[in-house]
Each structure stands twice: as structure tokens, then as C-alpha cells.
Amino acid sequence: MKDRQLTLRDFLEIYDFVTKEGIKLDGVYKHSGIKAWHDFDGYTCWLGYKDLTITLLFHGRFSIEYEHKDTLESFHKIANKFTVS
């Protein structure tokens, strides 16, 4: 599979996959090292992987924060397996 930039749609697909196929523990779903959780009303969702956090906001915005570039690259490799396109 070719490497590409992930979009908001991709992040939502990943979130959906992790929450459907992952294991839930203390309100956090986990699958293949990726964690997914949301706030009390579901308007803000997060994906986490090692030192990386992706914040998905209600109005179609998102932010990506990480400490190490190799963490982002590792996340992309895992996440590309979960996306349709």
C-alpha cells in the first residue's frame, strides 16, 4: 500500500474501526496499539499512539501533536491498514 497523508475522513474511519474492533477498558478502546476515546457528549474524540495524540473536533477540524517524528510514521503504517482508500 502506498504511503499518503491521512485526512479527517481517514481519522474518523480509524476511530470507528478501533471502537468497533478494539477492546474497551476504562472508557478507552485499544487496537494494534492505537487508542480511541471521546468526551462525555462525543463532540470531541481522540486517537492516541505512544506520544502522538490526534484531536478530532465536531466541526471537521483536527490537530495532531507528537514528540517524535518516527512515532507519526509508525502510526501511519498501522493506520493505513484500517482505512478504505
PDB file of N, CA and C in Angstrom:
ATOM      1  N   MET A   1       0.839  -1.172   0.000  1.00  0.00           N
ATOM      2  CA  MET A   1       0.000   0.000   0.000  1.00  0.00           C
ATOM      3  C   MET A   1       0.884   1.236   0.000  1.00  0.00           C
ATOM      4  N   LYS A   2       0.538   2.200  -0.847  1.00  0.00           N
ATOM      5  CA  LYS A   2       1.349   3.414  -0.902  1.00  0.00           C
ATOM      6  C   LYS A   2       1.114   4.285   0.324  1.00  0.00           C
ATOM      7  N   ASP A   3       2.142   5.000   0.716  1.00  0.00           N
ATOM      8  CA  ASP A   3       2.039   5.896   1.861  1.00  0.00           C
ATOM      9  C   ASP A   3       1.433   7.205   1.382  1.00  0.00           C
ATOM     10  N   ARG A   4       0.518   7.762   2.159  1.00  0.00           N
ATOM     11  CA  ARG A   4      -0.127   9.012   1.792  1.00  0.00           C
ATOM     12  C   ARG A   4      -0.496   9.769   3.057  1.00  0.00           C
ATOM     13  N   GLN A   5      -0.844  11.019   2.897  1.00  0.00           N
ATOM     14  CA  GLN A   5      -1.301  11.815   4.028  1.00  0.00           C
ATOM     15  C   GLN A   5      -2.681  11.331   4.451  1.00  0.00           C
ATOM     16  N   LEU A   6      -2.896  11.229   5.722  1.00  0.00           N
ATOM     17  CA  LEU A   6      -4.205  10.843   6.226  1.00  0.00           C
ATOM     18  C   LEU A   6      -5.091  12.078   6.351  1.00  0.00           C
ATOM     19  N   THR A   7      -6.366  11.914   6.037  1.00  0.00           N
ATOM     20  CA  THR A   7      -7.333  13.008   6.073  1.00  0.00           C
ATOM     21  C   THR A   7      -8.254  12.860   7.280  1.00  0.00           C
ATOM     22  N   LEU A   8      -9.109  13.858   7.489  1.00  0.00           N
ATOM     23  CA  LEU A   8     -10.092  13.779   8.565  1.00  0.00           C
ATOM     24  C   LEU A   8     -10.949  12.529   8.401  1.00  0.00           C
ATOM     25  N   ARG A   9     -11.366  12.253   7.188  1.00  0.00           N
ATOM     26  CA  ARG A   9     -12.181  11.059   6.933  1.00  0.00           C
ATOM     27  C   ARG A   9     -11.433   9.796   7.362  1.00  0.00           C
ATOM     28  N   ASP A  10     -10.146   9.728   7.038  1.00  0.00           N
ATOM     29  CA  ASP A  10      -9.327   8.578   7.446  1.00  0.00           C
ATOM     30  C   ASP A  10      -9.290   8.449   8.965  1.00  0.00           C
ATOM     31  N   PHE A  11      -9.078   9.568   9.651  1.00  0.00           N
ATOM     32  CA  PHE A  11      -9.030   9.524  11.111  1.00  0.00           C
ATOM     33  C   PHE A  11     -10.358   9.058  11.694  1.00  0.00           C
ATOM     34  N   LEU A  12     -11.465   9.486  11.093  1.00  0.00           N
ATOM     35  CA  LEU A  12     -12.779   9.037  11.560  1.00  0.00           C
ATOM     36  C   LEU A  12     -12.973   7.543  11.299  1.00  0.00           C
ATOM     37  N   GLU A  13     -12.484   7.058  10.157  1.00  0.00           N
ATOM     38  CA  GLU A  13     -12.544   5.617   9.869  1.00  0.00           C
ATOM     39  C   GLU A  13     -11.713   4.831  10.881  1.00  0.00           C
ATOM     40  N   ILE A  14     -10.546   5.342  11.203  1.00  0.00           N
ATOM     41  CA  ILE A  14      -9.678   4.683  12.185  1.00  0.00           C
ATOM     42  C   ILE A  14     -10.363   4.671  13.546  1.00  0.00           C
ATOM     43  N   TYR A  15     -10.933   5.803  13.929  1.00  0.00           N
ATOM     44  CA  TYR A  15     -11.651   5.885  15.204  1.00  0.00           C
ATOM     45  C   TYR A  15     -12.778   4.852  15.235  1.00  0.00           C
ATOM     46  N   ASP A  16     -13.559   4.787  14.174  1.00  0.00           N
ATOM     47  CA  ASP A  16     -14.668   3.837  14.085  1.00  0.00           C
ATOM     48  C   ASP A  16     -14.164   2.401  14.180  1.00  0.00           C
ATOM     49  N   PHE A  17     -13.103   2.088  13.455  1.00  0.00           N
ATOM     50  CA  PHE A  17     -12.549   0.735  13.471  1.00  0.00           C
ATOM     51  C   PHE A  17     -12.077   0.347  14.873  1.00  0.00           C
ATOM     52  N   VAL A  18     -11.328   1.229  15.508  1.00  0.00           N
ATOM     53  CA  VAL A  18     -10.785   0.925  16.839  1.00  0.00           C
ATOM     54  C   VAL A  18     -11.913   0.742  17.851  1.00  0.00           C
ATOM     55  N   THR A  19     -12.964   1.575  17.769  1.00  0.00           N
ATOM     56  CA  THR A  19     -14.060   1.446  18.734  1.00  0.00           C
ATOM     57  C   THR A  19     -14.924   0.222  18.463  1.00  0.00           C
ATOM     58  N   LYS A  20     -14.984  -0.224  17.223  1.00  0.00           N
ATOM     59  CA  LYS A  20     -15.783  -1.420  16.907  1.00  0.00           C
ATOM     60  C   LYS A  20     -15.013  -2.713  17.138  1.00  0.00           C
ATOM     61  N   GLU A  21     -13.742  -2.725  16.783  1.00  0.00           N
ATOM     62  CA  GLU A  21     -12.949  -3.957  16.819  1.00  0.00           C
ATOM     63  C   GLU A  21     -12.019  -4.059  18.025  1.00  0.00           C
ATOM     64  N   GLY A  22     -11.810  -2.944  18.702  1.00  0.00           N
ATOM     65  CA  GLY A  22     -10.867  -2.931  19.815  1.00  0.00           C
ATOM     66  C   GLY A  22     -11.464  -3.419  21.119  1.00  0.00           C
ATOM     67  N   ILE A  23     -10.623  -3.480  22.109  1.00  0.00           N
ATOM     68  CA  ILE A  23     -11.016  -3.878  23.460  1.00  0.00           C
ATOM     69  C   ILE A  23     -11.212  -2.609  24.280  1.00  0.00           C
ATOM     70  N   LYS A  24     -12.340  -2.537  25.011  1.00  0.00           N
ATOM     71  CA  LYS A  24     -12.637  -1.359  25.823  1.00  0.00           C
ATOM     72  C   LYS A  24     -12.236  -1.612  27.268  1.00  0.00           C
ATOM     73  N   LEU A  25     -11.478  -0.680  27.820  1.00  0.00           N
ATOM     74  CA  LEU A  25     -11.061  -0.756  29.212  1.00  0.00           C
ATOM     75  C   LEU A  25     -11.068   0.655  29.788  1.00  0.00           C
ATOM     76  N   ASP A  26     -11.855   0.869  30.822  1.00  0.00           N
ATOM     77  CA  ASP A  26     -11.963   2.181  31.474  1.00  0.00           C
ATOM     78  C   ASP A  26     -12.321   3.298  30.492  1.00  0.00           C
ATOM     79  N   GLY A  27     -13.229   3.029  29.569  1.00  0.00           N
ATOM     80  CA  GLY A  27     -13.703   4.041  28.638  1.00  0.00           C
ATOM     81  C   GLY A  27     -12.802   4.310  27.452  1.00  0.00           C
ATOM     82  N   VAL A  28     -11.720   3.557  27.316  1.00  0.00           N
ATOM     83  CA  VAL A  28     -10.780   3.739  26.208  1.00  0.00           C
ATOM     84  C   VAL A  28     -10.710   2.439  25.418  1.00  0.00           C
ATOM     85  N   TYR A  29     -10.871   2.560  24.102  1.00  0.00           N
ATOM     86  CA  TYR A  29     -10.744   1.405  23.219  1.00  0.00           C
ATOM     87  C   TYR A  29      -9.302   1.309  22.748  1.00  0.00           C
ATOM     88  N   LYS A  30      -8.840   0.078  22.520  1.00  0.00           N
ATOM     89  CA  LYS A  30      -7.464  -0.106  22.064  1.00  0.00           C
ATOM     90  C   LYS A  30      -7.410  -1.238  21.046  1.00  0.00           C
ATOM     91  N   HIS A  31      -6.695  -0.976  19.944  1.00  0.00           N
ATOM     92  CA  HIS A  31      -6.492  -1.981  18.904  1.00  0.00           C
ATOM     93  C   HIS A  31      -5.153  -1.698  18.228  1.00  0.00           C
ATOM     94  N   SER A  32      -4.300  -2.697  18.154  1.00  0.00           N
ATOM     95  CA  SER A  32      -2.988  -2.590  17.489  1.00  0.00           C
ATOM     96  C   SER A  32      -2.156  -1.424  18.013  1.00  0.00           C
ATOM     97  N   GLY A  33      -2.291  -1.126  19.285  1.00  0.00           N
ATOM     98  CA  GLY A  33      -1.520  -0.049  19.894  1.00  0.00           C
ATOM     99  C   GLY A  33      -2.155   1.320  19.777  1.00  0.00           C
ATOM    100  N   ILE A  34      -3.222   1.441  18.987  1.00  0.00           N
ATOM    101  CA  ILE A  34      -3.913   2.718  18.828  1.00  0.00           C
ATOM    102  C   ILE A  34      -5.072   2.770  19.817  1.00  0.00           C
ATOM    103  N   LYS A  35      -5.165   3.877  20.531  1.00  0.00           N
ATOM    104  CA  LYS A  35      -6.245   4.082  21.493  1.00  0.00           C
ATOM    105  C   LYS A  35      -7.243   5.091  20.930  1.00  0.00           C
ATOM    106  N   ALA A  36      -8.521   4.912  21.277  1.00  0.00           N
ATOM    107  CA  ALA A  36      -9.577   5.835  20.861  1.00  0.00           C
ATOM    108  C   ALA A  36     -10.490   6.099  22.048  1.00  0.00           C
ATOM    109  N   TRP A  37     -10.819   7.370  22.269  1.00  0.00           N
ATOM    110  CA  TRP A  37     -11.724   7.737  23.353  1.00  0.00           C
ATOM    111  C   TRP A  37     -12.409   9.053  22.996  1.00  0.00           C
ATOM    112  N   HIS A  38     -13.437   9.420  23.763  1.00  0.00           N
ATOM    113  CA  HIS A  38     -14.188  10.647  23.499  1.00  0.00           C
ATOM    114  C   HIS A  38     -14.614  11.295  24.811  1.00  0.00           C
ATOM    115  N   ASP A  39     -15.041  12.561  24.702  1.00  0.00           N
ATOM    116  CA  ASP A  39     -15.526  13.249  25.895  1.00  0.00           C
ATOM    117  C   ASP A  39     -16.953  12.803  26.202  1.00  0.00           C
ATOM    118  N   PHE A  40     -17.555  13.362  27.235  1.00  0.00           N
ATOM    119  CA  PHE A  40     -18.849  12.876  27.723  1.00  0.00           C
ATOM    120  C   PHE A  40     -19.974  13.009  26.702  1.00  0.00           C
ATOM    121  N   ASP A  41     -19.927  14.000  25.811  1.00  0.00           N
ATOM    122  CA  ASP A  41     -21.010  14.173  24.846  1.00  0.00           C
ATOM    123  C   ASP A  41     -20.645  13.715  23.433  1.00  0.00           C
ATOM    124  N   GLY A  42     -19.419  13.270  23.231  1.00  0.00           N
ATOM    125  CA  GLY A  42     -18.998  12.756  21.930  1.00  0.00           C
ATOM    126  C   GLY A  42     -18.621  13.809  20.909  1.00  0.00           C
ATOM    127  N   TYR A  43     -18.608  15.077  21.294  1.00  0.00           N
ATOM    128  CA  TYR A  43     -18.258  16.127  20.344  1.00  0.00           C
ATOM    129  C   TYR A  43     -16.762  16.210  20.074  1.00  0.00           C
ATOM    130  N   THR A  44     -15.968  15.735  20.977  1.00  0.00           N
ATOM    131  CA  THR A  44     -14.521  15.701  20.777  1.00  0.00           C
ATOM    132  C   THR A  44     -14.054  14.270  20.975  1.00  0.00           C
ATOM    133  N   CYS A  45     -13.275  13.793  20.009  1.00  0.00           N
ATOM    134  CA  CYS A  45     -12.743  12.429  20.064  1.00  0.00           C
ATOM    135  C   CYS A  45     -11.230  12.505  19.919  1.00  0.00           C
ATOM    136  N   TRP A  46     -10.566  11.495  20.425  1.00  0.00           N
ATOM    137  CA  TRP A  46      -9.115  11.443  20.347  1.00  0.00           C
ATOM    138  C   TRP A  46      -8.652  10.079  19.867  1.00  0.00           C
ATOM    139  N   LEU A  47      -7.537  10.088  19.160  1.00  0.00           N
ATOM    140  CA  LEU A  47      -6.778   8.889  18.833  1.00  0.00           C
ATOM    141  C   LEU A  47      -5.411   9.067  19.465  1.00  0.00           C
ATOM    142  N   GLY A  48      -4.888   8.024  20.045  1.00  0.00           N
ATOM    143  CA  GLY A  48      -3.575   8.099  20.662  1.00  0.00           C
ATOM    144  C   GLY A  48      -2.715   6.921  20.271  1.00  0.00           C
ATOM    145  N   TYR A  49      -1.423   7.181  20.150  1.00  0.00           N
ATOM    146  CA  TYR A  49      -0.451   6.135  19.849  1.00  0.00           C
ATOM    147  C   TYR A  49       0.898   6.606  20.381  1.00  0.00           C
ATOM    148  N   LYS A  50       1.413   5.917  21.368  1.00  0.00           N
ATOM    149  CA  LYS A  50       2.671   6.307  22.022  1.00  0.00           C
ATOM    150  C   LYS A  50       2.599   7.777  22.429  1.00  0.00           C
ATOM    151  N   ASP A  51       3.488   8.640  21.891  1.00  0.00           N
ATOM    152  CA  ASP A  51       3.494  10.055  22.267  1.00  0.00           C
ATOM    153  C   ASP A  51       2.682  10.930  21.302  1.00  0.00           C
ATOM    154  N   LEU A  52       1.855  10.314  20.463  1.00  0.00           N
ATOM    155  CA  LEU A  52       1.057  11.029  19.475  1.00  0.00           C
ATOM    156  C   LEU A  52      -0.393  11.114  19.950  1.00  0.00           C
ATOM    157  N   THR A  53      -0.995  12.286  19.798  1.00  0.00           N
ATOM    158  CA  THR A  53      -2.418  12.464  20.081  1.00  0.00           C
ATOM    159  C   THR A  53      -3.052  13.234  18.934  1.00  0.00           C
ATOM    160  N   ILE A  54      -4.145  12.679  18.406  1.00  0.00           N
ATOM    161  CA  ILE A  54      -4.921  13.345  17.366  1.00  0.00           C
ATOM    162  C   ILE A  54      -6.255  13.734  17.994  1.00  0.00           C
ATOM    163  N   THR A  55      -6.586  15.006  17.920  1.00  0.00           N
ATOM    164  CA  THR A  55      -7.848  15.510  18.445  1.00  0.00           C
ATOM    165  C   THR A  55      -8.786  15.753  17.274  1.00  0.00           C
ATOM    166  N   LEU A  56      -9.957  15.117  17.309  1.00  0.00           N
ATOM    167  CA  LEU A  56     -10.971  15.262  16.263  1.00  0.00           C
ATOM    168  C   LEU A  56     -12.103  16.105  16.834  1.00  0.00           C
ATOM    169  N   LEU A  57     -12.333  17.262  16.230  1.00  0.00           N
ATOM    170  CA  LEU A  57     -13.330  18.196  16.738  1.00  0.00           C
ATOM    171  C   LEU A  57     -14.619  18.113  15.919  1.00  0.00           C
ATOM    172  N   PHE A  58     -15.715  18.521  16.531  1.00  0.00           N
ATOM    173  CA  PHE A  58     -17.050  18.357  15.968  1.00  0.00           C
ATOM    174  C   PHE A  58     -17.220  18.996  14.593  1.00  0.00           C
ATOM    175  N   HIS A  59     -16.677  20.157  14.365  1.00  0.00           N
ATOM    176  CA  HIS A  59     -16.910  20.877  13.116  1.00  0.00           C
ATOM    177  C   HIS A  59     -15.879  20.567  12.031  1.00  0.00           C
ATOM    178  N   GLY A  60     -15.340  19.363  12.045  1.00  0.00           N
ATOM    179  CA  GLY A  60     -14.475  18.922  10.966  1.00  0.00           C
ATOM    180  C   GLY A  60     -13.031  19.373  11.052  1.00  0.00           C
ATOM    181  N   ARG A  61     -12.623  19.814  12.200  1.00  0.00           N
ATOM    182  CA  ARG A  61     -11.219  20.190  12.370  1.00  0.00           C
ATOM    183  C   ARG A  61     -10.518  19.102  13.154  1.00  0.00           C
ATOM    184  N   PHE A  62      -9.203  19.074  13.016  1.00  0.00           N
ATOM    185  CA  PHE A  62      -8.418  18.138  13.815  1.00  0.00           C
ATOM    186  C   PHE A  62      -7.033  18.708  14.036  1.00  0.00           C
ATOM    187  N   SER A  63      -6.372  18.199  15.065  1.00  0.00           N
ATOM    188  CA  SER A  63      -4.984  18.591  15.323  1.00  0.00           C
ATOM    189  C   SER A  63      -4.183  17.340  15.652  1.00  0.00           C
ATOM    190  N   ILE A  64      -2.916  17.374  15.295  1.00  0.00           N
ATOM    191  CA  ILE A  64      -2.010  16.256  15.539  1.00  0.00           C
ATOM    192  C   ILE A  64      -0.836  16.785  16.354  1.00  0.00           C
ATOM    193  N   GLU A  65      -0.595  16.149  17.487  1.00  0.00           N
ATOM    194  CA  GLU A  65       0.534  16.523  18.338  1.00  0.00           C
ATOM    195  C   GLU A  65       1.373  15.284  18.607  1.00  0.00           C
ATOM    196  N   TYR A  66       2.684  15.421  18.486  1.00  0.00           N
ATOM    197  CA  TYR A  66       3.584  14.303  18.757  1.00  0.00           C
ATOM    198  C   TYR A  66       4.950  14.852  19.124  1.00  0.00           C
ATOM    199  N   GLU A  67       5.714  14.012  19.798  1.00  0.00           N
ATOM    200  CA  GLU A  67       7.060  14.410  20.197  1.00  0.00           C
ATOM    201  C   GLU A  67       8.118  13.922  19.216  1.00  0.00           C
ATOM    202  N   HIS A  68       7.925  12.734  18.667  1.00  0.00           N
ATOM    203  CA  HIS A  68       8.938  12.123  17.802  1.00  0.00           C
ATOM    204  C   HIS A  68       8.353  11.808  16.430  1.00  0.00           C
ATOM    205  N   LYS A  69       9.058  12.230  15.384  1.00  0.00           N
ATOM    206  CA  LYS A  69       8.586  12.015  14.019  1.00  0.00           C
ATOM    207  C   LYS A  69       8.415  10.529  13.705  1.00  0.00           C
ATOM    208  N   ASP A  70       9.262   9.672  14.261  1.00  0.00           N
ATOM    209  CA  ASP A  70       9.129   8.243  13.977  1.00  0.00           C
ATOM    210  C   ASP A  70       7.834   7.668  14.557  1.00  0.00           C
ATOM    211  N   THR A  71       7.298   8.288  15.606  1.00  0.00           N
ATOM    212  CA  THR A  71       6.004   7.859  16.137  1.00  0.00           C
ATOM    213  C   THR A  71       4.912   8.127  15.112  1.00  0.00           C
ATOM    214  N   LEU A  72       4.947   9.298  14.487  1.00  0.00           N
ATOM    215  CA  LEU A  72       3.973   9.636  13.452  1.00  0.00           C
ATOM    216  C   LEU A  72       4.078   8.657  12.289  1.00  0.00           C
ATOM    217  N   GLU A  73       5.286   8.331  11.878  1.00  0.00           N
ATOM    218  CA  GLU A  73       5.477   7.390  10.773  1.00  0.00           C
ATOM    219  C   GLU A  73       4.966   5.998  11.131  1.00  0.00           C
ATOM    220  N   SER A  74       5.218   5.551  12.343  1.00  0.00           N
ATOM    221  CA  SER A  74       4.712   4.247  12.795  1.00  0.00           C
ATOM    222  C   SER A  74       3.190   4.243  12.835  1.00  0.00           C
ATOM    223  N   PHE A  75       2.607   5.333  13.322  1.00  0.00           N
ATOM    224  CA  PHE A  75       1.151   5.448  13.353  1.00  0.00           C
ATOM    225  C   PHE A  75       0.582   5.339  11.947  1.00  0.00           C
ATOM    226  N   HIS A  76       1.181   6.051  10.984  1.00  0.00           N
ATOM    227  CA  HIS A  76       0.700   5.997   9.602  1.00  0.00           C
ATOM    228  C   HIS A  76       0.728   4.570   9.053  1.00  0.00           C
ATOM    229  N   LYS A  77       1.772   3.827   9.346  1.00  0.00           N
ATOM    230  CA  LYS A  77       1.860   2.450   8.847  1.00  0.00           C
ATOM    231  C   LYS A  77       0.728   1.586   9.383  1.00  0.00           C
ATOM    232  N   ILE A  78       0.438   1.719  10.662  1.00  0.00           N
ATOM    233  CA  ILE A  78      -0.655   0.947  11.258  1.00  0.00           C
ATOM    234  C   ILE A  78      -1.995   1.460  10.748  1.00  0.00           C
ATOM    235  N   ALA A  79      -2.169   2.765  10.750  1.00  0.00           N
ATOM    236  CA  ALA A  79      -3.450   3.375  10.390  1.00  0.00           C
ATOM    237  C   ALA A  79      -3.828   3.126   8.938  1.00  0.00           C
ATOM    238  N   ASN A  80      -2.858   3.077   8.039  1.00  0.00           N
ATOM    239  CA  ASN A  80      -3.161   2.828   6.629  1.00  0.00           C
ATOM    240  C   ASN A  80      -3.829   1.475   6.424  1.00  0.00           C
ATOM    241  N   LYS A  81      -3.613   0.536   7.325  1.00  0.00           N
ATOM    242  CA  LYS A  81      -4.260  -0.775   7.229  1.00  0.00           C
ATOM    243  C   LYS A  81      -5.746  -0.697   7.562  1.00  0.00           C
ATOM    244  N   PHE A  82      -6.151   0.339   8.298  1.00  0.00           N
ATOM    245  CA  PHE A  82      -7.536   0.466   8.758  1.00  0.00           C
ATOM    246  C   PHE A  82      -8.405   1.311   7.842  1.00  0.00           C
ATOM    247  N   THR A  83      -7.816   1.992   6.865  1.00  0.00           N
ATOM    248  CA  THR A  83      -8.586   2.899   6.022  1.00  0.00           C
ATOM    249  C   THR A  83      -8.926   2.246   4.695  1.00  0.00           C
ATOM    250  N   VAL A  84     -10.050   2.673   4.123  1.00  0.00           N
ATOM    251  CA  VAL A  84     -10.564   2.076   2.894  1.00  0.00           C
ATOM    252  C   VAL A  84      -9.756   2.495   1.683  1.00  0.00           C
ATOM    253  N   SER A  85      -9.474   3.783   1.551  1.00  0.00           N
ATOM    254  CA  SER A  85      -8.816   4.272   0.338  1.00  0.00           C
ATOM    255  C   SER A  85      -7.321   4.168   0.389  1.00  0.00           C
TER     256      SER A  85
END
